[in-house]
Amino acid sequence: MKVFKFGGASVKDATGIKNVSEIIEKYADNDTLIVVSATGKTTNALESVVASFFDEDGKALEKLDHIRELHFNICKGLLGESNHSVYSQLNDIIADVKKKLETYRLDSYNYVYDQTVSAGELLSSVILSAYLNEKGIKNSWLDVRDVLRTDETYREGVVDWKETTERSNKILKPLLKESKVVTQGFIGSTPHYSTTTLGREGSDYTAAIFANILDAENQTIWKDVPGVMNGDPRKFQDAVFIDELTYLEAVEMTYYGASVIHPKTIKPIQNKKIPLWVKSFINPEGKGTKVYEASTALKYPPIRVLKENQTLLTFHTKDFSFVPDDTVGELLKAFAKANLKINIIQTGAISLQAVVTNVPEKIAHVIELVEGHFNIKQDDDLTILTIRHYNDEIIAKHLIGKEVIIGQKRASTYQALFKLKKD
């Protein structure tokens, strides 16, 4: 049994879906689970629908109609101008979102977000499943919300592993005995059947959850790159391919912001020693990168990660007193309450500096919780450079033209928070 995950770039149009079907036909077993993301930029488009809803600009429904038409056009490129049932399925998905928008309250942003943005994966998976069946590649379409259970933490749903396992045994496994199964990444549901999402780009994690539960032979993530590189090739022109990674190295890379694999993906497959392959849907014959429990130490080139859109928050005690341990604890609790991850932290005698991804509403929540005790300074438009397996030469090369605000060196990892120098 295998688990395949296809991201939005692979199913962005009719040509992409045809290519995906060829990969599935050639490389998937009869009992393969196929997890699919929303097509192309659909998630962004649906986020714009949510923004319009809360801005009350009257454009939300118009934007939904545009999204429907884009998916209809993909279907026409695959199935032609027909009365195929997939068109009514797409209509039903969009109609459901519209109906919910008419009843939503404006004070529950995360809830509205999940009920709306989740439509992207439903649309793409319906199209892929229909096209595969049309091509004679037998499969069943599964609404993942019938299986994957989470708590009610909207936009960051916490998986209920016990319930999800039980429902997988009852619903998913019997389907896989009959044929391949196409389902959605990124989404799940609460016990009360409200839709949740697992965090942005969470489809890799969905695939890993099911790989673990199903004791899969392996999991493959199909990307638009040959495999894992030692830097995003869009940002580092000298990026080179890495043949093999240990689970530990993959965890470190994703923790620091490497986007090729979702950060939560590794733990479920590592727990059962399930190999992960990162392969190219553009060149499926290529070797790809294997992530696994290596029996010997692996050697790596310097691995570079850039995390942009960072904000430095500096907290100074108002009375010039030292920052005691309990005060640091209260600060960390504030970040936890705001669900805002700290990417770099430094403490001084009377101050604490925290670097976070710039999510304005979360930053505002932290400041609201602690501003009575601190003077707070906020610096935006910063970037974190992380270099794993660094040397002095590679650090110097990557800091040319940059003003370093915070620099940290550890045994195998160098980090710098910087802004570009002004001419």
Protein backbone atom coordinates (compact mmCIF):
# COMPACT_ATOMS: atom_id res chain seq x y z
CA MET A 1 0.00 0.00 0.00
CA LYS A 2 1.35 3.41 -0.98
CA VAL A 3 0.36 7.01 -0.30
CA PHE A 4 0.80 9.63 -3.04
CA LYS A 5 0.39 13.34 -2.44
CA PHE A 6 -0.01 15.80 -5.30
CA GLY A 7 0.27 19.53 -4.63
CA GLY A 8 -1.55 22.40 -6.27
CA ALA A 9 1.08 23.01 -8.95
CA SER A 10 0.64 19.47 -10.28
CA VAL A 11 -3.14 19.84 -10.77
CA LYS A 12 -3.30 23.52 -11.73
CA ASP A 13 -4.92 22.88 -15.12
CA ALA A 14 -6.18 20.14 -17.47
CA THR A 15 -2.67 19.40 -18.75
CA GLY A 16 -1.41 18.96 -15.19
CA ILE A 17 -4.22 16.59 -14.25
CA LYS A 18 -3.57 14.53 -17.38
CA ASN A 19 0.08 14.25 -16.34
CA VAL A 20 -0.91 13.25 -12.80
CA SER A 21 -3.19 10.53 -14.18
CA GLU A 22 -0.26 9.13 -16.19
CA ILE A 23 1.90 9.05 -13.05
CA ILE A 24 -0.85 7.28 -11.11
CA GLU A 25 -1.41 4.78 -13.90
CA LYS A 26 2.32 3.96 -14.11
CA TYR A 27 3.51 4.14 -10.50
CA ALA A 28 0.54 3.62 -8.18
CA ASP A 29 -0.54 0.24 -6.84
CA ASN A 30 -4.18 -0.83 -6.92
CA ASP A 31 -4.55 0.09 -3.24
CA THR A 32 -2.81 3.48 -3.37
CA LEU A 33 -4.27 6.40 -1.43
CA ILE A 34 -4.03 9.62 -3.47
CA VAL A 35 -4.11 12.86 -1.47
CA VAL A 36 -4.59 16.04 -3.50
CA SER A 37 -4.29 19.76 -2.78
CA ALA A 38 -6.37 22.58 -4.24
CA THR A 39 -5.57 23.50 -7.82
CA GLY A 40 -2.97 26.20 -8.51
CA LYS A 41 -3.77 29.40 -6.65
CA THR A 42 -7.27 28.34 -5.57
CA THR A 43 -6.48 28.53 -1.85
CA ASN A 44 -5.34 32.14 -2.30
CA ALA A 45 -8.52 32.88 -4.26
CA LEU A 46 -10.69 31.39 -1.51
CA GLU A 47 -8.79 33.39 1.10
CA SER A 48 -9.76 36.46 -0.92
CA VAL A 49 -13.41 35.33 -0.67
CA VAL A 50 -13.07 35.24 3.13
CA ALA A 51 -11.45 38.70 3.13
CA SER A 52 -14.32 40.10 1.02
CA PHE A 53 -16.85 38.54 3.37
CA PHE A 54 -15.33 40.27 6.40
CA ASP A 55 -14.71 43.52 4.53
CA GLU A 56 -18.39 43.41 3.48
CA ASP A 57 -17.44 44.67 0.03
CA GLY A 58 -20.13 42.62 -1.71
CA LYS A 59 -17.64 40.70 -3.85
CA ALA A 60 -17.47 37.36 -2.03
CA LEU A 61 -20.14 35.58 -4.08
CA GLU A 62 -18.79 37.02 -7.32
CA LYS A 63 -15.36 35.64 -6.48
CA LEU A 64 -16.85 32.22 -5.74
CA ASP A 65 -18.50 32.21 -9.17
CA HIS A 66 -15.13 32.94 -10.75
CA ILE A 67 -13.55 30.02 -8.89
CA ARG A 68 -16.36 27.76 -10.09
CA GLU A 69 -15.81 28.85 -13.70
CA LEU A 70 -12.08 28.16 -13.46
CA HIS A 71 -12.80 24.61 -12.35
CA PHE A 72 -15.47 24.18 -15.01
CA ASN A 73 -12.87 25.17 -17.60
CA ILE A 74 -10.48 22.53 -16.29
CA CYS A 75 -13.24 19.95 -16.58
CA LYS A 76 -14.00 21.03 -20.15
CA GLY A 77 -10.35 20.44 -21.02
CA LEU A 78 -10.58 16.95 -19.56
CA LEU A 79 -14.14 15.77 -20.15
CA GLY A 80 -15.48 18.11 -22.81
CA GLU A 81 -18.80 19.94 -22.99
CA SER A 82 -20.84 17.09 -21.54
CA ASN A 83 -23.49 16.35 -18.98
CA HIS A 84 -20.93 14.60 -16.83
CA SER A 85 -21.95 14.40 -13.19
CA VAL A 86 -18.73 16.16 -12.12
CA TYR A 87 -20.22 19.53 -13.13
CA SER A 88 -23.13 19.16 -10.73
CA GLN A 89 -20.71 18.05 -8.01
CA LEU A 90 -18.67 21.22 -8.49
CA ASN A 91 -21.84 23.30 -8.42
CA ASP A 92 -22.90 21.64 -5.17
CA ILE A 93 -19.55 22.42 -3.49
CA ILE A 94 -19.73 26.11 -4.45
CA ALA A 95 -23.42 26.31 -3.54
CA ASP A 96 -22.67 24.90 -0.09
CA VAL A 97 -20.05 27.58 0.54
CA LYS A 98 -22.48 30.30 -0.62
CA LYS A 99 -25.21 28.98 1.66
CA LYS A 100 -22.88 28.99 4.64
CA LEU A 101 -21.69 32.52 3.90
CA GLU A 102 -25.28 33.69 4.22
CA THR A 103 -25.43 32.38 7.79
CA TYR A 104 -21.90 33.10 9.08
CA ARG A 105 -21.23 35.66 11.77
CA LEU A 106 -18.54 38.28 11.24
CA ASP A 107 -16.87 37.62 14.60
CA SER A 108 -15.58 34.09 13.92
CA TYR A 109 -12.86 34.59 11.29
CA ASN A 110 -11.03 31.28 11.74
CA TYR A 111 -14.27 29.29 11.61
CA VAL A 112 -15.44 31.05 8.44
CA TYR A 113 -11.97 30.60 6.94
CA ASP A 114 -12.03 26.83 7.36
CA GLN A 115 -15.57 26.36 6.06
CA THR A 116 -14.70 28.40 2.96
CA VAL A 117 -11.09 27.64 2.05
CA SER A 118 -11.60 23.88 2.41
CA ALA A 119 -13.67 23.96 -0.81
CA GLY A 120 -10.45 24.08 -2.85
CA GLU A 121 -9.43 20.50 -2.04
CA LEU A 122 -12.98 19.23 -2.54
CA LEU A 123 -13.11 20.77 -6.03
CA SER A 124 -9.73 19.46 -7.18
CA SER A 125 -10.22 15.94 -5.81
CA VAL A 126 -13.66 15.61 -7.45
CA ILE A 127 -12.17 16.54 -10.82
CA LEU A 128 -9.16 14.22 -10.50
CA SER A 129 -11.28 11.27 -9.38
CA ALA A 130 -13.75 11.77 -12.24
CA TYR A 131 -11.00 12.02 -14.84
CA LEU A 132 -9.20 8.91 -13.54
CA ASN A 133 -12.40 6.89 -13.78
CA GLU A 134 -13.01 8.30 -17.28
CA LYS A 135 -9.55 7.03 -18.26
CA GLY A 136 -10.28 3.57 -16.84
CA ILE A 137 -8.17 4.06 -13.69
CA LYS A 138 -10.62 2.74 -11.14
CA ASN A 139 -10.86 4.76 -7.94
CA SER A 140 -13.24 5.85 -5.20
CA TRP A 141 -13.64 9.46 -4.11
CA LEU A 142 -13.59 9.91 -0.33
CA ASP A 143 -14.60 12.99 1.62
CA VAL A 144 -11.71 13.06 4.08
CA ARG A 145 -13.92 14.82 6.64
CA ASP A 146 -15.72 11.50 7.15
CA VAL A 147 -12.46 10.03 8.42
CA LEU A 148 -9.98 12.61 9.70
CA ARG A 149 -11.13 13.97 13.05
CA THR A 150 -9.68 17.02 14.78
CA ASP A 151 -10.49 19.23 17.71
CA GLU A 152 -12.13 22.64 17.22
CA THR A 153 -8.94 24.63 16.74
CA TYR A 154 -9.88 26.22 13.43
CA ARG A 155 -7.01 26.80 10.96
CA GLU A 156 -4.71 24.64 13.11
CA GLY A 157 -6.79 21.53 13.81
CA VAL A 158 -5.22 19.03 16.22
CA VAL A 159 -5.71 15.49 14.96
CA ASP A 160 -7.65 13.02 17.10
CA TRP A 161 -5.52 10.00 16.26
CA LYS A 162 -7.70 7.45 18.05
CA GLU A 163 -10.91 8.49 16.30
CA THR A 164 -9.19 8.95 12.94
CA THR A 165 -7.66 5.48 13.18
CA GLU A 166 -10.99 3.90 14.06
CA ARG A 167 -12.75 5.66 11.19
CA SER A 168 -9.94 4.76 8.78
CA ASN A 169 -10.31 1.09 9.70
CA LYS A 170 -14.06 1.28 9.22
CA ILE A 171 -14.31 3.48 6.11
CA LEU A 172 -11.00 3.87 4.30
CA LYS A 173 -9.46 0.41 4.46
CA PRO A 174 -12.48 -1.35 2.89
CA LEU A 175 -12.39 1.15 0.00
CA LEU A 176 -8.69 0.48 -0.58
CA LYS A 177 -9.39 -3.23 -0.89
CA GLU A 178 -11.56 -2.43 -3.91
CA SER A 179 -9.51 0.23 -5.72
CA LYS A 180 -7.38 3.33 -5.43
CA VAL A 181 -8.86 6.13 -3.32
CA VAL A 182 -8.73 9.86 -4.08
CA THR A 183 -9.16 12.20 -1.14
CA GLN A 184 -8.29 15.70 0.08
CA GLY A 185 -5.31 17.02 1.95
CA PHE A 186 -5.31 19.91 4.43
CA ILE A 187 -8.84 19.42 5.82
CA GLY A 188 -10.66 17.41 8.47
CA SER A 189 -13.70 17.85 10.70
CA THR A 190 -14.70 18.16 14.31
CA PRO A 191 -16.90 15.58 16.07
CA HIS A 192 -19.81 17.90 15.20
CA TYR A 193 -18.86 17.79 11.49
CA SER A 194 -17.63 21.35 11.23
CA THR A 195 -14.78 21.55 8.74
CA THR A 196 -11.29 22.30 10.03
CA THR A 197 -7.94 22.81 8.33
CA LEU A 198 -4.55 21.53 9.47
CA GLY A 199 -2.54 24.67 8.76
CA ARG A 200 -1.43 26.22 5.47
CA GLU A 201 0.18 23.71 3.07
CA GLY A 202 -1.01 20.88 5.33
CA SER A 203 -1.65 18.27 2.64
CA ASP A 204 1.77 16.64 3.18
CA TYR A 205 0.75 16.14 6.80
CA THR A 206 -2.58 14.56 5.79
CA ALA A 207 -0.72 12.05 3.64
CA ALA A 208 1.66 11.25 6.50
CA ILE A 209 -1.23 10.70 8.92
CA PHE A 210 -2.75 8.10 6.63
CA ALA A 211 0.62 6.54 5.80
CA ASN A 212 1.06 5.94 9.52
CA ILE A 213 -2.44 4.58 10.12
CA LEU A 214 -2.38 2.35 7.03
CA ASP A 215 1.20 1.11 7.63
CA ALA A 216 2.07 2.20 4.11
CA GLU A 217 5.05 0.80 2.25
CA ASN A 218 6.11 4.40 1.51
CA GLN A 219 4.83 7.93 0.99
CA THR A 220 5.64 10.01 -2.09
CA ILE A 221 5.27 13.77 -2.36
CA TRP A 222 5.18 14.86 -6.02
CA LYS A 223 6.72 18.33 -6.48
CA ASP A 224 7.87 20.62 -9.29
CA VAL A 225 11.53 20.10 -8.28
CA PRO A 226 13.74 16.99 -8.74
CA GLY A 227 13.64 16.34 -5.00
CA VAL A 228 15.02 18.06 -1.93
CA MET A 229 17.63 20.70 -2.77
CA ASN A 230 20.13 22.42 -0.49
CA GLY A 231 18.19 25.64 -1.03
CA ASP A 232 15.03 26.78 -2.77
CA PRO A 233 16.16 26.95 -6.43
CA ARG A 234 13.98 30.03 -6.90
CA LYS A 235 16.13 31.85 -4.34
CA PHE A 236 19.50 30.10 -4.62
CA GLN A 237 20.70 29.68 -8.20
CA ASP A 238 23.48 27.32 -7.08
CA ALA A 239 21.10 24.90 -5.33
CA VAL A 240 22.06 21.25 -5.72
CA PHE A 241 20.08 18.02 -5.40
CA ILE A 242 20.33 15.93 -2.22
CA ASP A 243 19.94 12.15 -2.74
CA GLU A 244 19.18 11.14 0.84
CA LEU A 245 18.12 12.71 4.10
CA THR A 246 17.64 11.29 7.56
CA TYR A 247 14.34 11.97 9.30
CA LEU A 248 16.29 14.17 11.73
CA GLU A 249 17.76 16.35 8.99
CA ALA A 250 14.37 16.67 7.31
CA VAL A 251 12.82 17.76 10.62
CA GLU A 252 15.53 20.38 11.11
CA MET A 253 15.08 21.74 7.58
CA THR A 254 11.33 22.03 7.87
CA TYR A 255 11.56 23.53 11.36
CA TYR A 256 13.67 26.37 10.01
CA GLY A 257 11.28 27.01 7.13
CA ALA A 258 12.22 24.79 4.17
CA SER A 259 8.96 24.57 2.23
CA VAL A 260 9.60 21.40 0.26
CA ILE A 261 8.05 19.31 3.07
CA HIS A 262 5.42 20.43 5.61
CA PRO A 263 6.94 20.57 9.15
CA LYS A 264 4.44 18.11 10.66
CA THR A 265 5.00 15.46 7.99
CA ILE A 266 8.03 13.66 9.38
CA LYS A 267 6.85 12.51 12.83
CA PRO A 268 3.99 10.20 11.71
CA ILE A 269 6.16 8.39 9.17
CA GLN A 270 9.28 8.32 11.37
CA ASN A 271 7.30 6.68 14.16
CA LYS A 272 6.75 3.68 11.89
CA LYS A 273 9.97 4.00 9.85
CA ILE A 274 8.04 4.60 6.63
CA PRO A 275 10.32 5.98 3.87
CA LEU A 276 9.33 9.30 2.32
CA TRP A 277 10.14 10.05 -1.31
CA VAL A 278 10.16 13.57 -2.74
CA LYS A 279 9.90 13.27 -6.52
CA SER A 280 9.23 15.42 -9.56
CA PHE A 281 5.88 15.27 -11.35
CA ILE A 282 7.65 17.00 -14.26
CA ASN A 283 10.22 14.19 -14.52
CA PRO A 284 8.70 11.21 -12.70
CA GLU A 285 11.47 8.93 -13.96
CA GLY A 286 13.96 10.91 -11.90
CA LYS A 287 15.51 9.40 -8.79
CA GLY A 288 14.00 11.75 -6.21
CA THR A 289 15.13 12.23 -2.62
CA LYS A 290 14.69 9.49 -0.05
CA VAL A 291 14.00 10.47 3.58
CA TYR A 292 14.51 7.55 5.94
CA GLU A 293 16.22 6.10 9.01
CA ALA A 294 19.76 5.81 7.65
CA SER A 295 21.99 3.21 9.32
CA THR A 296 25.11 5.32 8.78
CA ALA A 297 25.77 9.04 9.05
CA LEU A 298 25.01 10.99 5.89
CA LYS A 299 27.09 13.91 4.62
CA TYR A 300 25.34 17.06 3.45
CA PRO A 301 26.29 20.22 1.62
CA PRO A 302 25.48 23.49 3.38
CA ILE A 303 21.66 23.68 3.45
CA ARG A 304 20.20 27.20 3.13
CA VAL A 305 16.71 28.36 4.11
CA LEU A 306 15.27 31.86 3.81
CA LYS A 307 12.22 32.77 5.89
CA GLU A 308 10.84 36.11 4.76
CA ASN A 309 8.15 38.46 6.14
CA GLN A 310 9.63 38.38 9.63
CA THR A 311 9.00 40.80 12.49
CA LEU A 312 11.29 41.54 15.43
CA LEU A 313 9.43 42.30 18.67
CA THR A 314 11.58 43.85 21.42
CA PHE A 315 10.12 43.89 24.95
CA HIS A 316 11.77 46.28 27.46
CA THR A 317 10.69 46.25 31.09
CA LYS A 318 9.03 49.59 31.89
CA ASP A 319 10.76 50.13 35.23
CA PHE A 320 14.25 49.09 34.04
CA SER A 321 14.10 46.02 36.28
CA PHE A 322 15.64 42.70 35.27
CA VAL A 323 13.60 40.27 33.24
CA PRO A 324 12.99 37.46 35.76
CA ASP A 325 12.19 33.89 34.77
CA ASP A 326 8.53 34.24 35.66
CA THR A 327 8.22 37.31 33.40
CA VAL A 328 9.75 35.37 30.50
CA GLY A 329 7.26 32.63 31.25
CA GLU A 330 4.36 35.06 31.03
CA LEU A 331 5.65 36.36 27.71
CA LEU A 332 5.88 32.85 26.31
CA LYS A 333 2.34 32.15 27.53
CA ALA A 334 1.15 35.22 25.62
CA PHE A 335 2.70 33.90 22.41
CA ALA A 336 1.08 30.52 23.04
CA LYS A 337 -2.34 32.09 23.60
CA ALA A 338 -1.99 34.00 20.33
CA ASN A 339 -0.86 30.81 18.57
CA LEU A 340 2.23 32.67 17.33
CA LYS A 341 5.41 30.64 16.93
CA ILE A 342 8.72 32.25 17.91
CA ASN A 343 11.39 31.64 15.28
CA ILE A 344 14.32 33.23 17.14
CA ILE A 345 14.53 34.39 20.75
CA GLN A 346 17.19 36.34 22.66
CA THR A 347 17.06 37.55 26.25
CA GLY A 348 18.99 40.31 27.96
CA ALA A 349 19.00 41.77 31.43
CA ILE A 350 16.02 44.06 30.88
CA SER A 351 14.75 42.98 27.49
CA LEU A 352 13.61 40.07 25.40
CA GLN A 353 13.64 39.89 21.60
CA ALA A 354 11.39 37.52 19.66
CA VAL A 355 11.35 37.03 15.91
CA VAL A 356 8.04 35.87 14.45
CA THR A 357 6.36 35.57 11.09
CA ASN A 358 4.36 38.73 10.50
CA VAL A 359 0.75 37.77 11.16
CA PRO A 360 -0.72 41.15 12.22
CA GLU A 361 -3.74 39.89 14.17
CA LYS A 362 -1.58 37.44 16.18
CA ILE A 363 1.08 40.05 16.92
CA ALA A 364 -1.63 42.47 18.06
CA HIS A 365 -2.98 39.79 20.40
CA VAL A 366 0.45 39.27 22.02
CA ILE A 367 0.97 43.00 22.47
CA GLU A 368 -2.48 43.40 24.02
CA LEU A 369 -1.70 40.68 26.57
CA VAL A 370 1.64 42.10 27.80
CA GLU A 371 1.77 45.83 27.01
CA GLY A 372 1.02 46.72 30.63
CA HIS A 373 4.45 45.40 31.67
CA PHE A 374 6.68 46.27 28.70
CA ASN A 375 7.62 48.98 26.27
CA ILE A 376 7.36 47.22 22.93
CA LYS A 377 9.16 47.98 19.68
CA GLN A 378 8.20 46.34 16.39
CA ASP A 379 10.46 46.08 13.32
CA ASP A 380 8.97 44.59 10.14
CA ASP A 381 10.16 43.48 6.68
CA LEU A 382 13.00 41.30 7.93
CA THR A 383 14.33 37.92 6.78
CA ILE A 384 15.88 34.94 8.57
CA LEU A 385 18.74 33.12 6.88
CA THR A 386 19.41 29.65 8.26
CA ILE A 387 22.45 27.63 7.15
CA ARG A 388 22.77 24.01 8.26
CA HIS A 389 26.29 22.49 8.09
CA TYR A 390 27.78 25.93 7.64
CA ASN A 391 31.35 27.17 7.28
CA ASP A 392 32.73 30.70 7.54
CA GLU A 393 33.05 31.04 3.78
CA ILE A 394 29.41 30.17 3.08
CA ILE A 395 28.23 32.53 5.83
CA ALA A 396 30.25 35.44 4.43
CA LYS A 397 28.99 34.75 0.91
CA HIS A 398 25.34 34.90 1.95
CA LEU A 399 25.66 38.04 4.09
CA ILE A 400 26.95 40.29 1.32
CA GLY A 401 24.70 43.35 1.09
CA LYS A 402 22.83 42.47 4.27
CA GLU A 403 22.66 44.21 7.65
CA VAL A 404 22.63 41.57 10.39
CA ILE A 405 20.38 42.44 13.31
CA ILE A 406 20.69 39.15 15.23
CA GLY A 407 23.23 36.40 14.59
CA GLN A 408 23.33 33.02 16.30
CA LYS A 409 25.77 30.11 15.89
CA ARG A 410 25.23 26.59 17.16
CA ALA A 411 27.13 23.39 16.48
CA SER A 412 25.59 22.68 13.08
CA THR A 413 23.27 25.67 12.48
CA TYR A 414 23.87 29.36 11.81
CA GLN A 415 21.04 31.88 11.80
CA ALA A 416 20.96 35.56 10.93
CA LEU A 417 18.06 37.99 11.09
CA PHE A 418 18.78 40.67 8.50
CA LYS A 419 17.51 43.47 6.34
CA LEU A 420 18.99 44.56 3.05
CA LYS A 421 21.55 47.38 3.27
CA LYS A 422 20.43 50.66 1.76
CA ASP A 423 22.56 52.00 -1.08
